[in-house]
Amino acid sequence: MSTIETREQIINVARRLFSKQGIGNITMNDVAKAANKSRRTLYTYFQSKEQLLEASIEMEVKKISTAVTKVAMSNLPADKKIIKLVFVRLQMTRNIVRRNGCLHSDYILIVEHIRKTFDAKEIALFRHIITEGNQKGLFNSESPDLAARFLHFCLKGIEMPFINGIINRNNDDKFVYHFTEKIILGALGHKPTTSTL
């Protein structure tokens, strides 16, 4: 097993233990035993369980980053792309938080520290899509940079209500999707293309 694979295996084992039992209830010995590694091997990669938690969160944030970048660079028209990016991001964040059970409150506190690079990248992706939409005549945004920042911070603000089901209470996902689409595209001065059907 390569050093990268070993490191990832340790992170995944630690994440599962943390999510089931909470950070305070797990020791480095527990992680080493569950990963079938020696303590020495474990400490070669991580000096503390806090470092393991940060590595676990970084791995999860990287998954989201990869997925939203894929959407942003897809061949979809900008109006479809920006909405898909928003929902891929929200749904992946919800899945990660739910999958990590006991880490819910710990994740929220630590993620802010770790995701600064991700936040800057997300703003850049939104800016790219909005600029592309302006150039193709789909959007009429006076400031793609301001619109990208505004969208990013609005998205961060609705993360927890989305994860907890508060936003879509009494509404199905399809309704929430179309409602969100109207708000975002309306704010960007969306000019729908006429269909040739």
C-alpha atoms as a PDB file:
ATOM      1  CA  MET A   1       0.000   0.000   0.000  1.00  0.00           C
ATOM      2  CA  SER A   2       1.389   3.417  -0.977  1.00  0.00           C
ATOM      3  CA  THR A   3       1.873   6.178   1.580  1.00  0.00           C
ATOM      4  CA  ILE A   4      -1.064   8.086   0.046  1.00  0.00           C
ATOM      5  CA  GLU A   5      -3.322   5.029   0.299  1.00  0.00           C
ATOM      6  CA  THR A   6      -2.204   4.363   3.877  1.00  0.00           C
ATOM      7  CA  ARG A   7      -2.880   7.971   4.859  1.00  0.00           C
ATOM      8  CA  GLU A   8      -6.332   7.900   3.241  1.00  0.00           C
ATOM      9  CA  GLN A   9      -7.152   4.587   4.911  1.00  0.00           C
ATOM     10  CA  ILE A  10      -6.244   6.012   8.323  1.00  0.00           C
ATOM     11  CA  ILE A  11      -8.326   9.139   7.668  1.00  0.00           C
ATOM     12  CA  ASN A  12     -11.349   7.100   6.582  1.00  0.00           C
ATOM     13  CA  VAL A  13     -11.111   4.801   9.607  1.00  0.00           C
ATOM     14  CA  ALA A  14     -10.757   7.780  11.954  1.00  0.00           C
ATOM     15  CA  ARG A  15     -13.703   9.566  10.331  1.00  0.00           C
ATOM     16  CA  ARG A  16     -15.931   6.534  10.789  1.00  0.00           C
ATOM     17  CA  LEU A  17     -14.897   6.178  14.438  1.00  0.00           C
ATOM     18  CA  PHE A  18     -15.354   9.897  15.123  1.00  0.00           C
ATOM     19  CA  SER A  19     -18.772   9.942  13.443  1.00  0.00           C
ATOM     20  CA  LYS A  20     -20.045   6.947  15.430  1.00  0.00           C
ATOM     21  CA  GLN A  21     -18.577   7.704  18.834  1.00  0.00           C
ATOM     22  CA  GLY A  22     -17.563  11.374  18.845  1.00  0.00           C
ATOM     23  CA  ILE A  23     -14.068  12.823  18.954  1.00  0.00           C
ATOM     24  CA  GLY A  24     -13.776  12.836  22.740  1.00  0.00           C
ATOM     25  CA  ASN A  25     -14.458   9.106  22.978  1.00  0.00           C
ATOM     26  CA  ILE A  26     -11.749   8.023  20.521  1.00  0.00           C
ATOM     27  CA  THR A  27      -8.023   7.733  21.164  1.00  0.00           C
ATOM     28  CA  MET A  28      -5.156   7.417  18.736  1.00  0.00           C
ATOM     29  CA  ASN A  29      -4.830   3.805  19.946  1.00  0.00           C
ATOM     30  CA  ASP A  30      -8.441   3.165  18.886  1.00  0.00           C
ATOM     31  CA  VAL A  31      -7.694   4.540  15.416  1.00  0.00           C
ATOM     32  CA  ALA A  32      -4.486   2.498  15.063  1.00  0.00           C
ATOM     33  CA  LYS A  33      -6.272  -0.696  16.104  1.00  0.00           C
ATOM     34  CA  ALA A  34      -9.275  -0.113  13.810  1.00  0.00           C
ATOM     35  CA  ALA A  35      -6.952   0.724  10.877  1.00  0.00           C
ATOM     36  CA  ASN A  36      -4.865  -2.364  11.619  1.00  0.00           C
ATOM     37  CA  LYS A  37      -1.758  -0.172  11.894  1.00  0.00           C
ATOM     38  CA  SER A  38       0.837   0.257  14.592  1.00  0.00           C
ATOM     39  CA  ARG A  39       0.818   3.397  16.756  1.00  0.00           C
ATOM     40  CA  ARG A  40       4.175   4.239  15.220  1.00  0.00           C
ATOM     41  CA  THR A  41       2.701   4.138  11.705  1.00  0.00           C
ATOM     42  CA  LEU A  42      -0.244   6.250  12.813  1.00  0.00           C
ATOM     43  CA  TYR A  43       2.016   8.886  14.386  1.00  0.00           C
ATOM     44  CA  THR A  44       4.142   8.943  11.220  1.00  0.00           C
ATOM     45  CA  TYR A  45       1.150  10.483   9.451  1.00  0.00           C
ATOM     46  CA  PHE A  46      -0.672  12.334  12.239  1.00  0.00           C
ATOM     47  CA  GLN A  47       0.543  13.778  15.525  1.00  0.00           C
ATOM     48  CA  SER A  48      -2.903  14.015  17.150  1.00  0.00           C
ATOM     49  CA  LYS A  49      -6.531  13.109  16.692  1.00  0.00           C
ATOM     50  CA  GLU A  50      -7.246  16.805  16.067  1.00  0.00           C
ATOM     51  CA  GLN A  51      -4.898  16.588  13.082  1.00  0.00           C
ATOM     52  CA  LEU A  52      -6.801  13.498  11.954  1.00  0.00           C
ATOM     53  CA  LEU A  53     -10.099  15.365  12.251  1.00  0.00           C
ATOM     54  CA  GLU A  54      -8.751  18.255  10.184  1.00  0.00           C
ATOM     55  CA  ALA A  55      -7.468  15.818   7.544  1.00  0.00           C
ATOM     56  CA  SER A  56     -10.890  14.163   7.473  1.00  0.00           C
ATOM     57  CA  ILE A  57     -12.630  17.488   6.938  1.00  0.00           C
ATOM     58  CA  GLU A  58     -10.091  18.503   4.269  1.00  0.00           C
ATOM     59  CA  MET A  59     -10.817  15.250   2.429  1.00  0.00           C
ATOM     60  CA  GLU A  60     -14.573  15.930   2.536  1.00  0.00           C
ATOM     61  CA  VAL A  61     -14.145  19.555   1.395  1.00  0.00           C
ATOM     62  CA  LYS A  62     -11.952  18.338  -1.472  1.00  0.00           C
ATOM     63  CA  LYS A  63     -14.767  16.018  -2.629  1.00  0.00           C
ATOM     64  CA  ILE A  64     -17.164  18.972  -2.755  1.00  0.00           C
ATOM     65  CA  SER A  65     -14.594  21.130  -4.514  1.00  0.00           C
ATOM     66  CA  THR A  66     -13.982  18.468  -7.166  1.00  0.00           C
ATOM     67  CA  ALA A  67     -17.715  18.032  -7.786  1.00  0.00           C
ATOM     68  CA  VAL A  68     -18.522  21.752  -8.104  1.00  0.00           C
ATOM     69  CA  THR A  69     -15.506  22.341 -10.350  1.00  0.00           C
ATOM     70  CA  LYS A  70     -16.730  19.557 -12.623  1.00  0.00           C
ATOM     71  CA  VAL A  71     -20.132  21.263 -12.869  1.00  0.00           C
ATOM     72  CA  ALA A  72     -18.576  24.697 -13.475  1.00  0.00           C
ATOM     73  CA  MET A  73     -16.410  23.378 -16.303  1.00  0.00           C
ATOM     74  CA  SER A  74     -19.202  21.352 -17.928  1.00  0.00           C
ATOM     75  CA  ASN A  75     -20.777  22.207 -21.284  1.00  0.00           C
ATOM     76  CA  LEU A  76     -24.105  23.201 -19.757  1.00  0.00           C
ATOM     77  CA  PRO A  77     -25.402  26.701 -20.500  1.00  0.00           C
ATOM     78  CA  ALA A  78     -24.491  29.158 -17.716  1.00  0.00           C
ATOM     79  CA  ASP A  79     -28.078  29.430 -16.417  1.00  0.00           C
ATOM     80  CA  LYS A  80     -28.367  25.658 -15.937  1.00  0.00           C
ATOM     81  CA  LYS A  81     -24.791  25.350 -14.713  1.00  0.00           C
ATOM     82  CA  ILE A  82     -25.095  27.861 -11.876  1.00  0.00           C
ATOM     83  CA  ILE A  83     -28.246  26.235 -10.477  1.00  0.00           C
ATOM     84  CA  LYS A  84     -26.771  22.751 -10.745  1.00  0.00           C
ATOM     85  CA  LEU A  85     -23.612  23.933  -8.950  1.00  0.00           C
ATOM     86  CA  VAL A  86     -25.690  25.365  -6.084  1.00  0.00           C
ATOM     87  CA  PHE A  87     -27.633  22.138  -5.606  1.00  0.00           C
ATOM     88  CA  VAL A  88     -24.643  19.817  -6.008  1.00  0.00           C
ATOM     89  CA  ARG A  89     -22.884  21.846  -3.316  1.00  0.00           C
ATOM     90  CA  LEU A  90     -25.868  21.903  -0.936  1.00  0.00           C
ATOM     91  CA  GLN A  91     -26.682  18.215  -1.365  1.00  0.00           C
ATOM     92  CA  MET A  92     -23.064  17.078  -0.963  1.00  0.00           C
ATOM     93  CA  THR A  93     -22.646  19.233   2.145  1.00  0.00           C
ATOM     94  CA  ARG A  94     -25.855  17.768   3.613  1.00  0.00           C
ATOM     95  CA  ASN A  95     -24.719  14.207   2.844  1.00  0.00           C
ATOM     96  CA  ILE A  96     -21.300  14.772   4.418  1.00  0.00           C
ATOM     97  CA  VAL A  97     -22.745  16.273   7.591  1.00  0.00           C
ATOM     98  CA  ARG A  98     -25.311  13.469   7.910  1.00  0.00           C
ATOM     99  CA  ARG A  99     -22.730  10.774   7.213  1.00  0.00           C
ATOM    100  CA  ASN A 100     -20.486  12.150   9.933  1.00  0.00           C
ATOM    101  CA  GLY A 101     -23.178  11.959  12.627  1.00  0.00           C
ATOM    102  CA  CYS A 102     -21.554  12.889  15.941  1.00  0.00           C
ATOM    103  CA  LEU A 103     -19.232  15.337  14.223  1.00  0.00           C
ATOM    104  CA  HIS A 104     -22.056  17.715  13.319  1.00  0.00           C
ATOM    105  CA  SER A 105     -21.148  20.552  15.700  1.00  0.00           C
ATOM    106  CA  ASP A 106     -17.411  19.867  15.468  1.00  0.00           C
ATOM    107  CA  TYR A 107     -17.563  19.992  11.688  1.00  0.00           C
ATOM    108  CA  ILE A 108     -19.315  23.332  11.619  1.00  0.00           C
ATOM    109  CA  LEU A 109     -16.669  24.942  13.851  1.00  0.00           C
ATOM    110  CA  ILE A 110     -13.596  23.428  12.186  1.00  0.00           C
ATOM    111  CA  VAL A 111     -14.818  23.611   8.590  1.00  0.00           C
ATOM    112  CA  GLU A 112     -14.741  27.410   8.629  1.00  0.00           C
ATOM    113  CA  HIS A 113     -11.018  27.312   9.362  1.00  0.00           C
ATOM    114  CA  ILE A 114     -10.286  24.737   6.671  1.00  0.00           C
ATOM    115  CA  ARG A 115     -12.543  25.914   3.892  1.00  0.00           C
ATOM    116  CA  LYS A 116     -11.069  29.358   3.251  1.00  0.00           C
ATOM    117  CA  THR A 117      -9.340  28.066   0.116  1.00  0.00           C
ATOM    118  CA  PHE A 118     -12.551  26.338  -0.958  1.00  0.00           C
ATOM    119  CA  ASP A 119     -14.556  29.537  -0.416  1.00  0.00           C
ATOM    120  CA  ALA A 120     -12.203  31.546  -2.639  1.00  0.00           C
ATOM    121  CA  LYS A 121     -12.405  28.843  -5.304  1.00  0.00           C
ATOM    122  CA  GLU A 122     -16.201  28.740  -5.129  1.00  0.00           C
ATOM    123  CA  ILE A 123     -16.423  32.516  -5.561  1.00  0.00           C
ATOM    124  CA  ALA A 124     -14.098  32.231  -8.582  1.00  0.00           C
ATOM    125  CA  LEU A 125     -16.294  29.473 -10.078  1.00  0.00           C
ATOM    126  CA  PHE A 126     -19.436  31.562  -9.615  1.00  0.00           C
ATOM    127  CA  ARG A 127     -17.668  34.584 -11.147  1.00  0.00           C
ATOM    128  CA  HIS A 128     -16.587  32.433 -14.127  1.00  0.00           C
ATOM    129  CA  ILE A 129     -20.135  31.172 -14.728  1.00  0.00           C
ATOM    130  CA  ILE A 130     -21.723  34.618 -14.328  1.00  0.00           C
ATOM    131  CA  THR A 131     -19.166  36.186 -16.699  1.00  0.00           C
ATOM    132  CA  GLU A 132     -19.804  33.373 -19.173  1.00  0.00           C
ATOM    133  CA  GLY A 133     -23.556  33.956 -18.852  1.00  0.00           C
ATOM    134  CA  ASN A 134     -23.077  37.689 -19.483  1.00  0.00           C
ATOM    135  CA  GLN A 135     -20.959  37.002 -22.568  1.00  0.00           C
ATOM    136  CA  LYS A 136     -23.538  34.547 -23.963  1.00  0.00           C
ATOM    137  CA  GLY A 137     -26.377  36.994 -23.327  1.00  0.00           C
ATOM    138  CA  LEU A 138     -28.029  34.773 -20.687  1.00  0.00           C
ATOM    139  CA  PHE A 139     -27.338  37.122 -17.756  1.00  0.00           C
ATOM    140  CA  ASN A 140     -27.256  40.858 -17.314  1.00  0.00           C
ATOM    141  CA  SER A 141     -25.121  41.170 -14.194  1.00  0.00           C
ATOM    142  CA  GLU A 142     -23.510  44.584 -13.713  1.00  0.00           C
ATOM    143  CA  SER A 143     -20.795  43.116 -11.471  1.00  0.00           C
ATOM    144  CA  PRO A 144     -20.009  39.407 -11.839  1.00  0.00           C
ATOM    145  CA  ASP A 145     -17.559  39.675  -8.930  1.00  0.00           C
ATOM    146  CA  LEU A 146     -20.107  41.169  -6.519  1.00  0.00           C
ATOM    147  CA  ALA A 147     -22.793  38.751  -7.732  1.00  0.00           C
ATOM    148  CA  ALA A 148     -20.418  35.801  -7.186  1.00  0.00           C
ATOM    149  CA  ARG A 149     -19.541  36.928  -3.650  1.00  0.00           C
ATOM    150  CA  PHE A 150     -23.167  37.612  -2.802  1.00  0.00           C
ATOM    151  CA  LEU A 151     -24.260  34.199  -4.096  1.00  0.00           C
ATOM    152  CA  HIS A 152     -21.460  32.445  -2.203  1.00  0.00           C
ATOM    153  CA  PHE A 153     -22.316  34.075   1.131  1.00  0.00           C
ATOM    154  CA  CYS A 154     -26.050  33.516   0.645  1.00  0.00           C
ATOM    155  CA  LEU A 155     -25.291  29.863  -0.029  1.00  0.00           C
ATOM    156  CA  LYS A 156     -23.236  29.605   3.169  1.00  0.00           C
ATOM    157  CA  GLY A 157     -26.135  31.172   5.052  1.00  0.00           C
ATOM    158  CA  ILE A 158     -28.650  28.579   3.907  1.00  0.00           C
ATOM    159  CA  GLU A 159     -26.373  25.548   4.406  1.00  0.00           C
ATOM    160  CA  MET A 160     -27.596  24.661   7.891  1.00  0.00           C
ATOM    161  CA  PRO A 161     -31.308  25.320   7.208  1.00  0.00           C
ATOM    162  CA  PHE A 162     -30.971  23.148   4.074  1.00  0.00           C
ATOM    163  CA  ILE A 163     -29.129  20.382   5.956  1.00  0.00           C
ATOM    164  CA  ASN A 164     -31.689  20.449   8.788  1.00  0.00           C
ATOM    165  CA  GLY A 165     -34.640  20.428   6.372  1.00  0.00           C
ATOM    166  CA  ILE A 166     -35.945  23.816   7.487  1.00  0.00           C
ATOM    167  CA  ILE A 167     -35.834  25.361   4.006  1.00  0.00           C
ATOM    168  CA  ASN A 168     -37.758  22.607   2.290  1.00  0.00           C
ATOM    169  CA  ARG A 169     -40.226  21.975   5.130  1.00  0.00           C
ATOM    170  CA  ASN A 170     -43.704  21.512   3.598  1.00  0.00           C
ATOM    171  CA  ASN A 171     -42.215  21.580   0.062  1.00  0.00           C
ATOM    172  CA  ASP A 172     -40.719  18.867  -2.088  1.00  0.00           C
ATOM    173  CA  ASP A 173     -37.199  19.100  -3.544  1.00  0.00           C
ATOM    174  CA  LYS A 174     -38.538  19.911  -7.020  1.00  0.00           C
ATOM    175  CA  PHE A 175     -40.434  22.961  -5.736  1.00  0.00           C
ATOM    176  CA  VAL A 176     -37.406  24.178  -3.762  1.00  0.00           C
ATOM    177  CA  TYR A 177     -35.199  23.699  -6.841  1.00  0.00           C
ATOM    178  CA  HIS A 178     -37.490  25.790  -9.086  1.00  0.00           C
ATOM    179  CA  PHE A 179     -38.009  28.439  -6.409  1.00  0.00           C
ATOM    180  CA  THR A 180     -34.231  28.751  -5.946  1.00  0.00           C
ATOM    181  CA  GLU A 181     -33.770  28.888  -9.717  1.00  0.00           C
ATOM    182  CA  LYS A 182     -36.187  31.831  -9.963  1.00  0.00           C
ATOM    183  CA  ILE A 183     -34.424  33.756  -7.199  1.00  0.00           C
ATOM    184  CA  ILE A 184     -30.866  33.236  -8.478  1.00  0.00           C
ATOM    185  CA  LEU A 185     -31.615  33.692 -12.159  1.00  0.00           C
ATOM    186  CA  GLY A 186     -33.828  36.700 -11.431  1.00  0.00           C
ATOM    187  CA  ALA A 187     -31.021  38.345  -9.458  1.00  0.00           C
ATOM    188  CA  LEU A 188     -28.628  37.753 -12.356  1.00  0.00           C
ATOM    189  CA  GLY A 189     -30.942  39.411 -14.875  1.00  0.00           C
ATOM    190  CA  HIS A 190     -31.587  36.112 -16.643  1.00  0.00           C
ATOM    191  CA  LYS A 191     -32.706  36.370 -20.242  1.00  0.00           C
ATOM    192  CA  PRO A 192     -34.165  32.996 -21.176  1.00  0.00           C
ATOM    193  CA  THR A 193     -33.388  31.800 -24.660  1.00  0.00           C
ATOM    194  CA  THR A 194     -36.349  31.141 -26.887  1.00  0.00           C
ATOM    195  CA  SER A 195     -36.964  27.497 -27.591  1.00  0.00           C
ATOM    196  CA  THR A 196     -36.973  26.252 -31.187  1.00  0.00           C
ATOM    197  CA  LEU A 197     -39.353  23.350 -30.477  1.00  0.00           C
END
